[in-house]
Protein backbone atom coordinates (compact mmCIF):
# COMPACT_ATOMS: atom_id res chain seq x y z
CA MET A 1 0.26 -0.09 0.19
CA THR A 2 2.74 2.49 0.85
CA PRO A 3 4.45 2.53 -2.39
CA ALA A 4 0.95 2.71 -4.42
CA ALA A 5 -0.08 5.57 -2.12
CA LEU A 6 3.65 7.50 -2.81
CA LEU A 7 2.94 6.87 -6.30
CA ALA A 8 -0.57 8.43 -6.12
CA SER A 9 1.02 11.34 -3.84
CA ALA A 10 3.29 11.87 -6.49
CA VAL A 11 0.46 12.06 -9.65
CA GLY A 12 -1.36 14.32 -7.13
CA TYR A 13 1.53 16.82 -6.79
CA GLY A 14 2.05 17.16 -10.19
CA ILE A 15 -1.26 17.63 -11.03
CA ALA A 16 -1.49 20.43 -8.50
CA ASP A 17 1.63 21.83 -9.74
CA PHE A 18 0.71 22.24 -12.83
CA SER A 19 -2.82 23.64 -12.21
CA GLY A 20 -1.13 26.09 -9.78
CA GLY A 21 1.60 27.43 -12.13
CA PHE A 22 -1.07 27.72 -15.17
CA ALA A 23 -3.51 30.03 -12.94
CA THR A 24 -0.27 31.83 -11.50
CA ARG A 25 0.50 33.08 -15.41
CA SER A 26 -2.58 35.60 -15.01
CA VAL A 27 -3.03 35.97 -11.03
CA SER A 28 -0.26 36.58 -8.54
CA ALA A 29 1.24 33.72 -6.91
CA SER A 30 0.63 34.56 -3.33
CA ARG A 31 -3.11 34.30 -4.59
CA VAL A 32 -3.03 31.36 -6.28
CA ALA A 33 -1.31 29.82 -3.06
CA ALA A 34 -3.74 30.98 -0.45
CA ALA A 35 -6.79 29.99 -2.50
CA SER A 36 -5.58 26.70 -3.63
CA GLN A 37 -4.63 25.82 0.03
CA THR A 38 -8.15 27.30 1.29
CA TRP A 39 -9.61 24.60 -1.13
CA GLY A 40 -7.46 21.83 0.46
CA LEU A 41 -9.69 22.29 3.38
CA LEU A 42 -12.69 20.81 1.99
CA LEU A 43 -10.61 17.48 1.84
CA LEU A 44 -8.37 17.69 4.99
CA VAL A 45 -11.16 18.85 7.83
CA PRO A 46 -13.28 15.48 7.22
CA ALA A 47 -10.20 13.37 6.77
CA ALA A 48 -8.94 14.43 9.98
CA VAL A 49 -11.96 13.95 11.63
CA ALA A 50 -12.60 10.90 10.52
CA GLY A 51 -9.31 9.41 11.07
CA ARG A 52 -9.04 10.77 14.56
CA GLY A 53 -5.58 10.80 16.39
CA SER A 54 -4.55 13.29 18.78
CA LEU A 55 -2.41 16.57 18.52
CA ALA A 56 0.21 16.98 21.40
CA PRO A 57 2.24 20.13 21.65
CA ARG A 58 5.10 18.74 19.93
CA ASP A 59 3.07 17.75 16.67
CA ALA A 60 1.58 21.08 16.46
CA LEU A 61 4.81 22.96 16.70
CA LEU A 62 6.19 20.52 14.32
CA GLY A 63 2.88 21.20 11.88
CA LEU A 64 2.89 25.06 12.27
CA VAL A 65 6.94 25.24 11.13
CA ALA A 66 6.15 22.75 8.36
CA GLY A 67 2.97 25.02 6.73
CA LEU A 68 5.44 28.07 7.16
CA ALA A 69 8.09 26.15 5.34
CA GLY A 70 5.55 24.72 2.81
CA ALA A 71 3.99 28.10 2.12
CA LEU A 72 7.15 30.02 1.34
CA GLY A 73 8.19 27.36 -0.70
CA LEU A 74 4.63 27.29 -2.70
CA VAL A 75 4.68 30.73 -3.44
CA ALA A 76 7.98 30.66 -4.78
CA TYR A 77 7.56 27.43 -6.97
CA PHE A 78 4.36 28.67 -8.69
CA ARG A 79 5.67 32.43 -9.30
CA ALA A 80 8.84 30.04 -10.50
CA LEU A 81 6.65 28.04 -12.99
CA ALA A 82 4.98 30.95 -13.99
CA ILE A 83 8.02 32.87 -15.26
CA GLY A 84 10.45 29.75 -16.27
CA PRO A 85 10.03 26.67 -18.52
CA MET A 86 7.85 24.63 -16.37
CA GLY A 87 10.36 21.44 -17.69
CA VAL A 88 12.94 22.78 -16.22
CA VAL A 89 11.48 24.59 -12.70
CA SER A 90 9.39 21.81 -11.20
CA PRO A 91 12.45 19.46 -11.95
CA VAL A 92 15.13 21.23 -9.99
CA ALA A 93 12.55 22.24 -7.40
CA ALA A 94 12.25 18.30 -6.97
CA VAL A 95 16.10 17.45 -6.95
CA ILE A 96 16.25 19.88 -4.16
CA GLY A 97 13.18 19.29 -2.49
CA THR A 98 14.42 15.50 -2.45
CA LEU A 99 17.78 16.14 -1.34
CA VAL A 100 16.73 17.51 1.71
CA PRO A 101 15.23 14.25 3.16
CA VAL A 102 17.43 12.10 2.16
CA VAL A 103 20.45 13.99 3.65
CA ALA A 104 17.83 13.94 7.38
CA GLY A 105 16.97 10.39 6.60
CA LEU A 106 20.94 9.46 6.61
CA GLY A 107 21.79 12.02 9.29
CA ILE A 108 19.23 9.90 11.38
CA GLY A 109 20.82 6.66 11.04
CA GLU A 110 18.28 5.48 8.01
CA ARG A 111 19.90 2.69 5.78
CA PRO A 112 18.06 1.83 2.75
CA PRO A 113 18.06 -1.36 1.48
CA ALA A 114 20.50 -2.28 -1.92
CA ALA A 115 17.54 -2.14 -4.25
CA ALA A 116 15.74 0.99 -3.08
CA THR A 117 19.17 2.45 -2.68
CA ALA A 118 19.43 1.86 -6.39
CA GLY A 119 16.04 3.55 -6.83
CA ILE A 120 17.04 6.62 -5.02
CA GLY A 121 19.58 6.91 -7.42
CA ALA A 122 17.22 6.03 -10.93
CA ALA A 123 14.69 8.68 -9.33
CA ALA A 124 17.46 11.41 -9.34
CA LEU A 125 18.55 10.94 -12.72
CA SER A 126 15.04 10.91 -14.09
CA VAL A 127 14.54 14.35 -12.50
CA LEU A 128 18.13 15.42 -14.06
CA LEU A 129 16.39 14.09 -16.97
CA ALA A 130 12.91 15.59 -17.31
CA SER A 131 14.97 19.29 -16.44
CA GLY A 132 16.11 19.63 -20.04
CA SER A 133 17.20 18.85 -23.51
CA GLY A 134 20.80 20.21 -23.34
CA PRO A 135 22.33 23.29 -22.47
CA LEU A 136 20.14 26.23 -21.61
CA ARG A 137 20.65 29.68 -22.58
CA LEU A 138 18.91 31.47 -19.70
CA GLY A 139 17.70 34.69 -19.56
CA THR A 140 17.25 37.23 -16.65
CA ALA A 141 13.35 35.64 -16.09
CA GLU A 142 14.90 32.07 -16.71
CA ARG A 143 17.73 32.56 -13.81
CA THR A 144 14.97 33.84 -11.20
CA GLY A 145 13.03 31.04 -11.98
CA ILE A 146 15.65 28.40 -11.04
CA ILE A 147 16.79 31.09 -7.83
CA LEU A 148 13.03 30.50 -6.79
CA SER A 149 12.90 26.66 -7.72
CA VAL A 150 15.88 25.89 -5.60
CA LEU A 151 13.99 27.87 -2.72
CA ALA A 152 11.07 26.39 -3.40
CA GLY A 153 12.77 22.96 -3.06
CA THR A 154 13.68 23.84 -0.07
CA GLY A 155 10.70 24.63 1.78
CA PHE A 156 9.29 21.32 0.42
CA GLY A 157 12.01 19.64 1.63
CA ALA A 158 11.69 20.82 5.19
CA PHE A 159 8.10 20.04 5.24
CA PHE A 160 8.47 16.33 4.68
CA VAL A 161 11.13 16.05 7.15
CA LEU A 162 9.01 17.83 9.76
CA MET A 163 5.93 15.96 8.76
CA HIS A 164 7.77 12.67 9.18
CA ALA A 165 9.18 13.83 12.50
CA ALA A 166 5.27 14.02 13.88
CA SER A 167 4.48 11.05 15.82
CA GLY A 168 2.16 8.83 13.69
CA ARG A 169 -0.31 8.81 16.73
CA ALA A 170 -1.44 12.22 15.86
CA GLY A 171 -3.28 11.53 12.55
CA LEU A 172 -3.65 13.79 10.05
CA TRP A 173 -3.92 16.76 12.73
CA PRO A 174 -0.22 17.87 12.47
CA LEU A 175 -0.94 18.78 8.53
CA ILE A 176 -4.16 20.66 10.01
CA ALA A 177 -1.53 22.86 12.05
CA ALA A 178 0.65 23.32 8.98
CA ARG A 179 -2.43 24.71 6.87
CA ALA A 180 -3.36 26.68 9.57
CA ALA A 181 0.07 28.60 9.70
CA SER A 182 0.31 28.28 5.76
CA LEU A 183 -2.90 30.00 5.47
CA ALA A 184 -2.17 32.79 7.71
CA LEU A 185 0.85 33.65 5.96
CA LEU A 186 -0.42 33.01 2.52
CA TRP A 187 -3.45 35.46 2.90
CA ALA A 188 -1.47 37.92 4.87
CA LEU A 189 0.49 37.77 1.47
CA ALA A 190 -2.59 37.33 -0.95
CA THR A 191 -4.50 40.55 0.70
CA ARG A 192 -1.49 43.27 1.46
CA ARG A 193 -1.91 46.27 -0.13
CA ARG A 194 0.07 47.18 -3.17
CA PRO A 195 0.68 50.57 -5.22
CA ALA A 196 -0.82 50.48 -8.51
CA ARG A 197 -0.25 52.86 -11.41
CA GLY A 198 -2.72 55.54 -11.08
CA GLY A 199 -3.83 55.03 -7.57
CA SER A 200 -4.03 51.88 -4.93
CA SER A 201 -5.18 48.41 -4.96
CA THR A 202 -5.88 45.94 -2.58
CA GLU A 203 -4.39 42.51 -4.12
CA GLY A 204 -6.69 39.90 -2.04
CA THR A 205 -9.90 42.18 -2.99
CA ALA A 206 -10.85 39.02 -4.79
CA ALA A 207 -8.39 36.34 -4.09
CA GLY A 208 -10.80 33.74 -5.27
CA GLY A 209 -11.17 30.82 -2.35
CA PRO A 210 -14.15 28.83 -2.03
CA ALA A 211 -16.20 31.75 -0.74
CA ALA A 212 -15.11 34.52 -2.89
CA GLY A 213 -16.16 35.27 -6.82
CA GLY A 214 -13.53 37.44 -7.88
CA LEU A 215 -11.55 35.45 -10.29
CA PRO A 216 -13.16 34.49 -13.83
CA PHE A 217 -14.81 31.11 -13.52
CA PRO A 218 -12.12 29.07 -15.56
CA THR A 219 -9.24 30.34 -13.16
CA ARG A 220 -11.35 29.30 -9.95
CA ALA A 221 -11.83 26.37 -11.05
CA ILE A 222 -8.31 25.61 -12.18
CA VAL A 223 -7.02 26.72 -8.47
CA ALA A 224 -9.29 24.55 -7.06
CA ALA A 225 -8.27 21.42 -8.80
CA SER A 226 -4.93 22.36 -7.70
CA GLY A 227 -5.49 23.02 -4.29
CA LEU A 228 -7.82 19.94 -3.90
CA PHE A 229 -4.86 17.60 -5.72
CA ASP A 230 -2.55 19.04 -3.44
CA MET A 231 -4.58 18.23 -0.35
CA ALA A 232 -5.01 14.25 -1.51
CA ALA A 233 -1.48 14.32 -1.97
CA ASN A 234 -0.37 15.73 1.37
CA ILE A 235 -2.80 13.28 2.85
CA LEU A 236 -1.34 10.19 1.41
CA TYR A 237 1.82 11.30 2.19
CA VAL A 238 1.28 11.81 5.60
CA VAL A 239 -0.25 8.16 6.00
CA ALA A 240 2.39 6.68 3.97
CA VAL A 241 5.57 8.46 5.54
CA HIS A 242 5.15 6.61 9.15
CA HIS A 243 5.10 3.55 7.24
CA GLY A 244 8.59 3.62 5.44
CA LEU A 245 11.97 5.61 5.81
CA LEU A 246 11.84 9.38 4.98
CA SER A 247 14.52 8.74 2.45
CA ILE A 248 12.55 6.51 0.42
CA THR A 249 9.25 8.29 1.04
CA ALA A 250 10.25 11.60 0.08
CA VAL A 251 12.22 10.40 -3.17
CA THR A 252 8.95 8.46 -4.20
CA VAL A 253 6.81 11.65 -3.75
CA SER A 254 9.63 13.63 -5.74
CA LEU A 255 8.50 11.97 -9.04
CA TYR A 256 6.06 14.43 -9.50
CA PRO A 257 8.19 16.28 -12.14
CA ILE A 258 7.42 13.79 -14.90
CA VAL A 259 3.92 14.88 -14.48
CA VAL A 260 4.17 18.53 -14.66
CA VAL A 261 5.99 17.78 -17.68
CA VAL A 262 3.67 15.54 -19.61
CA LEU A 263 0.89 17.98 -18.94
CA ALA A 264 2.97 20.48 -20.60
CA ARG A 265 3.41 18.58 -23.31
CA LEU A 266 0.03 17.68 -23.54
CA LEU A 267 -1.57 20.91 -22.60
CA LEU A 268 0.70 23.52 -23.49
CA ARG A 269 2.35 21.87 -26.81
CA GLU A 270 5.40 22.15 -24.30
CA ARG A 271 8.57 20.32 -26.39
CA LEU A 272 8.80 16.58 -24.91
CA THR A 273 12.05 15.97 -25.94
CA THR A 274 13.91 12.24 -25.89
CA ARG A 275 15.30 12.88 -22.33
CA HIS A 276 11.88 13.40 -21.05
CA ARG A 277 10.71 10.45 -22.53
CA ALA A 278 14.02 8.71 -21.02
CA ALA A 279 13.09 10.39 -17.80
CA ALA A 280 9.34 8.99 -17.86
CA VAL A 281 11.01 5.49 -18.46
CA VAL A 282 13.64 5.81 -15.42
CA ALA A 283 11.25 7.16 -13.16
CA VAL A 284 8.98 3.70 -13.45
CA ALA A 285 12.15 1.91 -13.02
CA ALA A 286 12.98 3.86 -9.92
CA ALA A 287 9.62 3.33 -8.97
CA VAL A 288 9.66 -0.76 -9.05
CA LEU A 289 12.96 -0.65 -7.34
CA ILE A 290 11.74 1.47 -4.44
CA SER A 291 8.66 -0.54 -4.21
CA ILE A 292 10.95 -3.67 -3.57
C-alpha cells in the first residue's frame, strides 16, 4: 500500500503543481497559493476527523513550522512555474526537495536496502533528465525562475522532514496545524496592499477562495483543482510516511515533475524531447526498485 500511496501522491502533486503554475500566469502567486490551500480544507478537515488521532504540543509545533516552510516554498514555486519553463523549474525544485529529506534520513541513521538505494539514484537521474534537453540559454527571467525553484525545493524538503518527525499517533492533525499556519501567512501575503499605476489597490480583494467569486470561473476552477489535488497528495504522504523510511518516501513523492512535464506537453505543447521520454522510463524503473 505504501508504494502505491506514494506514487498516487506524486501524481497528485504533479497535477496540483501544473494547475497552480498555469493559474499563476494570470494571477499572482500568493493569491493562487492562498486560494488553492483554502480549497484543500474541503478534503483535509473531514479526513482528519475521520482519522481521529490526538495532537500533542510537539506535533502541533512541527506542523506549524512545516506549514510556514511549505507555504513559502509554494509561493516561490508557483512564481517560478509562471516565469520559467515548467519542464526545467519543476525538476530543479524536486531535486532540492529530495536532497533535504534524503540527507536528513541518512543523518538519523536510515540505511535503505540495496534495491531502494538504486531506486533513489534512478529517481534522481529521472528528475535530472526531465530538466531539459541540452545546454540552457537562460535569460534574466529564467535565471530568476531557477533561483526561486531552489528556494521552493528547500521549503518542500523541510515540509517533508517535519511531517515525518510528527508522531504517527497524531493522525492528520499535524497537517491541520500546518495548513493553519500556511493559510495565515499566504492570506497575509495575498491581501497586502500594493500601489498600482494611477492609484492603489488591494491585491486580495478578490482572491478567489471557495467563498469568493473575484476570479473568472475557469481560473477559479483551476485553482480549486490545484488545492484539492495538493491536499489529496499531502494526506497520502502523511499516511505513508510513518510506514517507511523518510529517504525513500520523499524520493518517491518527488517523482511529480514527470507529471508536470507530461501535462505541459499535452496541454501547453511544451516540447517533449528524447530526454523527457527517457526520464519517464527511468522514473518507472525507480518506482519499481523502491517498492521491492
